[in-house]
Protein backbone atom coordinates (compact mmCIF):
# COMPACT_ATOMS: atom_id res chain seq x y z
CA UNK A 1 36.66 57.93 -58.10
CA UNK A 2 33.25 59.63 -58.10
CA UNK A 3 31.91 59.28 -54.69
CA UNK A 4 27.86 60.48 -53.63
CA UNK A 5 28.12 61.68 -49.74
CA UNK A 6 25.65 62.70 -47.20
CA UNK A 7 26.96 65.35 -44.29
CA UNK A 8 25.64 65.01 -41.55
CA UNK A 9 26.32 69.03 -40.62
CA UNK A 10 29.04 71.60 -41.90
CA UNK A 11 31.90 70.27 -39.27
CA UNK A 12 31.61 66.18 -41.21
CA UNK A 13 31.54 68.28 -44.57
CA UNK A 14 34.42 70.13 -43.80
CA UNK A 15 36.08 67.08 -41.50
CA UNK A 16 36.09 65.36 -45.37
CA UNK A 17 37.54 68.43 -47.01
CA UNK A 18 41.24 67.27 -45.04
CA UNK A 19 41.11 63.92 -45.81
CA UNK A 20 41.97 64.34 -49.28
CA UNK A 21 44.32 66.67 -51.32
CA UNK A 22 41.81 67.86 -54.39
CA UNK A 23 37.97 67.52 -53.81
CA UNK A 24 35.90 68.56 -57.02
CA UNK A 25 32.24 68.94 -55.83
CA UNK A 26 28.91 68.72 -57.70
CA UNK A 27 26.21 70.46 -55.84
CA UNK A 28 23.55 68.03 -57.58
CA UNK A 29 19.97 67.67 -57.59
CA UNK A 30 17.89 64.82 -59.08
CA UNK A 31 15.34 66.75 -61.01
CA UNK A 32 17.57 68.87 -62.88
CA UNK A 33 18.41 68.28 -66.40
CA UNK A 34 21.72 70.24 -66.83
CA UNK A 35 22.91 68.02 -63.50
CA UNK A 36 22.64 65.12 -65.83
CA UNK A 37 24.18 66.00 -68.47
CA UNK A 38 26.76 67.05 -65.90
CA UNK A 39 26.91 63.14 -65.00
CA UNK A 40 28.72 62.14 -68.13
CA UNK A 41 31.48 64.65 -67.84
CA UNK A 42 32.40 63.94 -64.48
CA UNK A 43 32.43 60.41 -65.63
CA UNK A 44 35.12 61.06 -68.19
CA UNK A 45 36.91 63.66 -65.99
CA UNK A 46 37.07 60.36 -63.64
CA UNK A 47 39.37 58.61 -66.25
CA UNK A 48 41.27 61.07 -67.11
CA UNK A 49 43.29 62.64 -63.68
CA UNK A 50 44.76 61.02 -60.92
CA UNK A 51 43.29 58.52 -58.21
CA UNK A 52 44.55 61.73 -55.69
CA UNK A 53 41.42 64.27 -56.24
CA UNK A 54 37.99 62.86 -55.39
CA UNK A 55 35.29 63.67 -57.96
CA UNK A 56 32.53 64.18 -54.45
CA UNK A 57 28.47 64.98 -55.75
CA UNK A 58 26.44 66.28 -52.68
CA UNK A 59 22.65 66.43 -52.97
CA UNK A 60 21.25 69.39 -52.18
CA UNK A 61 18.11 68.05 -51.47
CA UNK A 62 19.32 65.21 -48.98
CA UNK A 63 22.31 67.75 -47.41
CA UNK A 64 19.83 71.19 -47.21
CA UNK A 65 22.61 72.83 -44.15
CA UNK A 66 25.34 72.56 -46.93
CA UNK A 67 23.40 74.26 -49.33
CA UNK A 68 22.14 76.86 -46.91
CA UNK A 69 25.29 77.16 -45.94
CA UNK A 70 27.52 77.53 -48.69
CA UNK A 71 24.08 79.79 -50.28
CA UNK A 72 23.74 77.36 -53.36
CA UNK A 73 20.83 79.21 -55.85
CA UNK A 74 21.60 76.84 -58.75
CA UNK A 75 22.71 73.80 -59.63
CA UNK A 76 25.35 72.59 -60.36
CA UNK A 77 28.06 74.38 -58.85
CA UNK A 78 30.99 73.18 -58.90
CA UNK A 79 33.76 73.81 -56.24
CA UNK A 80 36.96 72.87 -55.49
CA UNK A 81 38.70 72.34 -51.63
CA UNK A 82 42.10 71.48 -52.21
CA UNK A 83 44.03 71.27 -48.27
CA UNK A 84 40.86 71.34 -46.75
CA UNK A 85 39.99 75.26 -48.02
CA UNK A 86 37.97 76.11 -50.89
CA UNK A 87 40.31 77.01 -53.56
CA UNK A 88 37.48 77.97 -56.76
CA UNK A 89 33.43 78.02 -57.08
CA UNK A 90 31.39 77.81 -60.10
CA UNK A 91 27.92 77.51 -60.28
CA UNK A 92 27.04 75.32 -64.17
CA UNK A 93 29.70 73.87 -65.54
CA UNK A 94 32.27 73.26 -67.50
CA UNK A 95 33.26 70.81 -70.69
CA UNK A 96 35.56 68.01 -69.60
CA UNK A 97 38.75 69.72 -71.31
CA UNK A 98 37.86 73.47 -69.79
CA UNK A 99 37.61 71.90 -65.99
CA UNK A 100 40.10 68.90 -66.26
CA UNK A 101 43.03 71.89 -66.97
CA UNK A 102 41.17 73.85 -64.39
CA UNK A 103 41.51 70.54 -61.95
CA UNK A 104 45.03 70.50 -63.07
CA UNK A 105 46.38 74.06 -62.00
CA UNK A 106 45.38 72.68 -57.98
CA UNK A 107 47.81 69.81 -58.43
CA UNK A 108 51.22 71.83 -59.12
């Protein structure tokens, strides 16, 4: 499932990380061309992952507190959270199959 989310603050973000087993966060901006390319990858990935994995898109321009908190200097930036804990982070993006394999390592 892909959702777009705006968080009031870092606390609401942290609460969200405990509500889902595994979350792939995509920090993006509407003006970012690589972010638009990543949208296609995420749409494909969504179809291949179990329902327990949530893909959450966060617009850095609408969530400046999170951008500052995580020191996001470039978009897209991807993060994987499992049980409320950040397990992985990467600026940029990976191909569908590489990203799928990476997420699957956290399903075990």
